[in-house]
């Protein structure tokens, strides 16, 4: 799955779909969705019917891998031919979830996922930056060992989205009194912020793993000891 820069949710995975589904979602309509086998591109009912996909063998990737090479090549050619004729667009996963949530509310159906409507998202980045500035002005954090932070504090604040809350990660603050002090500071800040859903996590220390893939290096969190976590949902 690729990535897209969304004005509301920042860098996010996206669903690839036919133009008809995209237009419906852009209008706030939650349509019925079908999928193109193997590729898992989303199609509207009209595209699904036009290409007679229901009449074709539908395989999961697991089943597809058990086929002979000749069978795989034949199916790949059929699917690729359909794929190449479709007009496709990408839509942020979190935007799709927001439309799905509104549809379930409009139709009085159970929400199919835990929703975080009341959290600070990318569109409120200015407020998130203010939170970081407020905490740094009130507490002295240790410096981070993460090489991309340019010796910044070991305080990581990540915007939330429809399926996860604002995340505040703090390292090296192991004293319980200091942890309570920081939680109190965060509580003070959110007294005037309407989007209150958040998760605050205190870790003993950082542990970063570096993965080299050709010219690209990925930096991932390793095993870290969680000391305290507080969720406001």
Protein backbone atom coordinates (compact mmCIF):
# COMPACT_ATOMS: atom_id res chain seq x y z
CA UNK A 1 0.00 0.00 0.00
CA UNK A 2 1.37 3.41 -0.97
CA UNK A 3 1.37 6.66 0.99
CA UNK A 4 -0.45 9.94 0.47
CA UNK A 5 -0.18 13.36 2.13
CA UNK A 6 -3.61 14.20 3.48
CA UNK A 7 -4.47 17.73 4.62
CA UNK A 8 -6.48 16.37 7.55
CA UNK A 9 -4.44 13.31 8.59
CA UNK A 10 -0.89 13.88 7.31
CA UNK A 11 1.10 11.04 5.74
CA UNK A 12 -1.19 8.04 5.48
CA UNK A 13 -1.68 4.81 3.52
CA UNK A 14 -4.32 5.11 0.82
CA UNK A 15 -6.92 2.90 -0.77
CA UNK A 16 -6.66 2.62 -4.55
CA UNK A 17 -10.13 2.68 -6.15
CA UNK A 18 -12.03 3.33 -9.34
CA UNK A 19 -12.98 6.92 -10.07
CA UNK A 20 -16.66 6.20 -9.32
CA UNK A 21 -15.94 5.11 -5.75
CA UNK A 22 -13.62 8.07 -5.31
CA UNK A 23 -16.27 10.54 -6.48
CA UNK A 24 -18.88 8.99 -4.19
CA UNK A 25 -16.57 9.23 -1.17
CA UNK A 26 -15.62 12.80 -2.07
CA UNK A 27 -19.35 13.58 -1.90
CA UNK A 28 -19.58 12.00 1.53
CA UNK A 29 -21.46 8.93 0.27
CA UNK A 30 -20.53 5.49 1.60
CA UNK A 31 -20.86 3.16 -1.44
CA UNK A 32 -20.82 -0.59 -1.76
CA UNK A 33 -17.24 -1.69 -2.47
CA UNK A 34 -15.96 -4.67 -4.43
CA UNK A 35 -12.35 -5.68 -5.00
CA UNK A 36 -10.26 -6.61 -7.99
CA UNK A 37 -8.80 -10.04 -7.09
CA UNK A 38 -5.10 -10.36 -6.24
CA UNK A 39 -4.45 -6.61 -6.53
CA UNK A 40 -7.17 -5.65 -4.00
CA UNK A 41 -8.02 -2.42 -5.81
CA UNK A 42 -11.52 -1.30 -4.83
CA UNK A 43 -14.26 -1.16 -7.45
CA UNK A 44 -17.81 0.10 -7.56
CA UNK A 45 -20.60 -2.32 -8.43
CA UNK A 46 -20.79 -0.99 -11.99
CA UNK A 47 -17.09 -1.62 -12.71
CA UNK A 48 -17.31 -5.00 -11.02
CA UNK A 49 -20.21 -5.97 -13.28
CA UNK A 50 -18.73 -4.40 -16.44
CA UNK A 51 -15.60 -6.55 -16.24
CA UNK A 52 -17.60 -9.64 -15.24
CA UNK A 53 -15.32 -10.19 -12.26
CA UNK A 54 -17.95 -12.26 -10.49
CA UNK A 55 -17.66 -14.80 -13.32
CA UNK A 56 -13.89 -15.11 -12.96
CA UNK A 57 -11.99 -17.33 -10.49
CA UNK A 58 -11.39 -15.24 -7.39
CA UNK A 59 -8.24 -16.09 -5.48
CA UNK A 60 -6.72 -14.84 -2.27
CA UNK A 61 -2.97 -14.23 -2.43
CA UNK A 62 -2.52 -17.39 -0.37
CA UNK A 63 -4.50 -19.48 -2.86
CA UNK A 64 -2.84 -17.77 -5.80
CA UNK A 65 0.61 -18.81 -4.54
CA UNK A 66 -0.41 -22.49 -4.72
CA UNK A 67 -1.17 -22.34 -8.46
CA UNK A 68 1.22 -23.43 -11.15
CA UNK A 69 3.36 -20.80 -12.87
CA UNK A 70 1.30 -21.07 -16.05
CA UNK A 71 -1.94 -20.59 -14.12
CA UNK A 72 -0.52 -17.61 -12.25
CA UNK A 73 0.66 -15.95 -15.47
CA UNK A 74 -2.73 -16.44 -17.09
CA UNK A 75 -4.61 -14.90 -14.16
CA UNK A 76 -2.09 -12.07 -13.79
CA UNK A 77 -2.55 -11.18 -17.45
CA UNK A 78 -6.35 -11.09 -17.08
CA UNK A 79 -6.21 -8.95 -13.93
CA UNK A 80 -3.55 -6.63 -15.36
CA UNK A 81 -5.62 -6.07 -18.51
CA UNK A 82 -8.58 -4.98 -16.39
CA UNK A 83 -6.39 -2.89 -14.10
CA UNK A 84 -4.79 -0.99 -16.97
CA UNK A 85 -8.16 0.07 -18.38
CA UNK A 86 -9.52 1.43 -15.09
CA UNK A 87 -9.41 5.10 -14.13
CA UNK A 88 -8.03 4.94 -10.61
CA UNK A 89 -7.44 7.36 -7.77
CA UNK A 90 -6.15 7.07 -4.21
CA UNK A 91 -7.99 8.13 -1.05
CA UNK A 92 -6.53 8.47 2.43
CA UNK A 93 -7.42 5.48 4.61
CA UNK A 94 -8.36 7.71 7.53
CA UNK A 95 -10.62 9.88 5.34
CA UNK A 96 -12.40 6.73 4.19
CA UNK A 97 -12.85 5.67 7.82
CA UNK A 98 -14.32 9.09 8.65
CA UNK A 99 -16.92 8.73 5.88
CA UNK A 100 -17.69 5.18 7.01
CA UNK A 101 -18.18 6.41 10.58
CA UNK A 102 -20.60 9.12 9.49
CA UNK A 103 -22.54 6.61 7.41
CA UNK A 104 -22.95 4.24 10.37
CA UNK A 105 -24.24 7.13 12.48
CA UNK A 106 -26.67 8.28 9.79
CA UNK A 107 -28.06 4.76 9.50
CA UNK A 108 -27.98 3.88 13.22
CA UNK A 109 -25.58 0.98 12.73
CA UNK A 110 -22.82 -0.16 15.11
CA UNK A 111 -19.46 1.53 14.50
CA UNK A 112 -17.13 -1.17 13.06
CA UNK A 113 -13.96 0.25 14.66
CA UNK A 114 -12.89 2.30 17.67
CA UNK A 115 -13.18 5.89 16.50
CA UNK A 116 -11.14 8.86 17.69
CA UNK A 117 -13.13 11.84 16.46
CA UNK A 118 -12.11 13.90 19.46
CA UNK A 119 -8.32 13.83 19.06
CA UNK A 120 -5.78 16.30 17.69
CA UNK A 121 -5.07 15.43 14.05
CA UNK A 122 -2.62 16.71 11.44
CA UNK A 123 -4.97 19.58 10.61
CA UNK A 124 -4.45 20.83 14.19
CA UNK A 125 -0.65 20.63 13.93
CA UNK A 126 -0.29 24.19 15.24
CA UNK A 127 -1.97 23.13 18.50
CA UNK A 128 0.21 20.01 18.68
CA UNK A 129 3.31 22.18 18.28
CA UNK A 130 2.04 24.43 21.08
CA UNK A 131 1.69 21.36 23.32
CA UNK A 132 5.33 20.42 22.68
CA UNK A 133 6.51 23.97 23.37
CA UNK A 134 4.45 24.11 26.56
CA UNK A 135 5.88 20.86 27.93
CA UNK A 136 9.47 21.81 27.06
CA UNK A 137 9.06 25.17 28.76
CA UNK A 138 7.86 23.51 31.97
CA UNK A 139 10.03 20.40 32.19
CA UNK A 140 13.62 19.53 31.27
CA UNK A 141 13.58 16.40 29.15
CA UNK A 142 16.64 14.31 28.38
CA UNK A 143 18.06 14.46 24.88
CA UNK A 144 16.98 11.83 22.36
CA UNK A 145 19.33 9.29 20.83
CA UNK A 146 17.19 9.15 17.68
CA UNK A 147 19.55 10.29 14.92
CA UNK A 148 16.92 12.23 12.97
CA UNK A 149 15.94 14.55 15.82
CA UNK A 150 19.17 16.59 15.73
CA UNK A 151 19.75 16.19 19.47
CA UNK A 152 16.17 17.14 20.31
CA UNK A 153 14.36 16.15 23.50
CA UNK A 154 13.23 12.57 24.11
CA UNK A 155 9.63 13.71 23.75
CA UNK A 156 7.74 12.43 20.70
CA UNK A 157 4.29 13.79 19.87
CA UNK A 158 2.43 12.29 16.91
CA UNK A 159 -0.88 13.55 15.61
CA UNK A 160 -3.88 11.27 15.86
CA UNK A 161 -6.40 10.22 13.21
CA UNK A 162 -9.79 8.57 12.98
CA UNK A 163 -8.51 5.14 14.10
CA UNK A 164 -5.88 6.13 16.69
CA UNK A 165 -5.40 8.95 19.21
CA UNK A 166 -2.77 11.65 19.60
CA UNK A 167 0.37 9.93 20.93
CA UNK A 168 2.75 11.47 23.46
CA UNK A 169 5.83 9.32 24.11
CA UNK A 170 8.34 10.27 26.79
CA UNK A 171 11.65 8.55 27.52
CA UNK A 172 14.02 8.49 30.54
CA UNK A 173 11.52 9.99 33.01
CA UNK A 174 11.45 7.08 35.45
CA UNK A 175 10.62 8.93 38.68
CA UNK A 176 6.92 8.55 39.54
CA UNK A 177 6.68 12.09 40.94
CA UNK A 178 8.06 13.56 37.72
CA UNK A 179 5.71 11.41 35.66
CA UNK A 180 2.75 12.79 37.63
CA UNK A 181 4.10 16.31 37.12
CA UNK A 182 4.16 15.85 33.34
CA UNK A 183 0.68 14.31 33.32
CA UNK A 184 -0.56 17.32 35.27
CA UNK A 185 1.06 19.69 32.75
CA UNK A 186 -0.63 17.85 29.90
CA UNK A 187 -3.96 18.01 31.72
CA UNK A 188 -3.54 21.76 32.15
CA UNK A 189 -2.86 22.24 28.46
CA UNK A 190 -5.96 20.30 27.40
CA UNK A 191 -8.26 22.32 29.65
CA UNK A 192 -8.72 24.74 26.74
CA UNK A 193 -8.43 22.21 23.90
CA UNK A 194 -11.70 20.56 22.78
CA UNK A 195 -10.00 17.52 21.20
CA UNK A 196 -9.06 15.65 24.37
CA UNK A 197 -8.50 12.04 23.28
CA UNK A 198 -4.84 11.08 23.75
CA UNK A 199 -2.41 8.41 24.88
CA UNK A 200 0.59 9.30 27.04
CA UNK A 201 3.36 6.69 27.40
CA UNK A 202 6.47 6.76 29.58
CA UNK A 203 9.35 4.47 28.57
CA UNK A 204 12.50 3.65 30.46
CA UNK A 205 14.80 4.27 27.48
CA UNK A 206 14.93 4.45 23.70
CA UNK A 207 15.85 1.46 21.58
CA UNK A 208 16.09 2.07 17.83
CA UNK A 209 16.69 -0.55 15.16
CA UNK A 210 18.23 0.35 11.81
CA UNK A 211 17.28 -1.58 8.67
CA UNK A 212 19.21 -0.99 5.46
CA UNK A 213 17.37 -1.77 2.22
CA UNK A 214 19.58 -0.72 -0.67
CA UNK A 215 20.01 3.03 -0.38
CA UNK A 216 17.08 3.37 2.01
CA UNK A 217 17.56 3.12 5.77
CA UNK A 218 14.54 2.53 7.99
CA UNK A 219 14.66 3.43 11.67
CA UNK A 220 12.23 1.44 13.79
CA UNK A 221 11.52 1.24 17.52
CA UNK A 222 12.90 -1.87 19.18
CA UNK A 223 11.90 -3.54 22.43
CA UNK A 224 11.26 -0.81 24.99
CA UNK A 225 10.16 -1.06 28.61
CA UNK A 226 6.85 0.72 29.18
CA UNK A 227 6.72 2.27 32.66
CA UNK A 228 3.36 4.02 32.65
CA UNK A 229 0.57 4.66 30.18
CA UNK A 230 -2.46 6.89 30.51
CA UNK A 231 -5.26 6.99 27.96
CA UNK A 232 -7.94 9.65 27.73
CA UNK A 233 -10.67 8.39 25.40
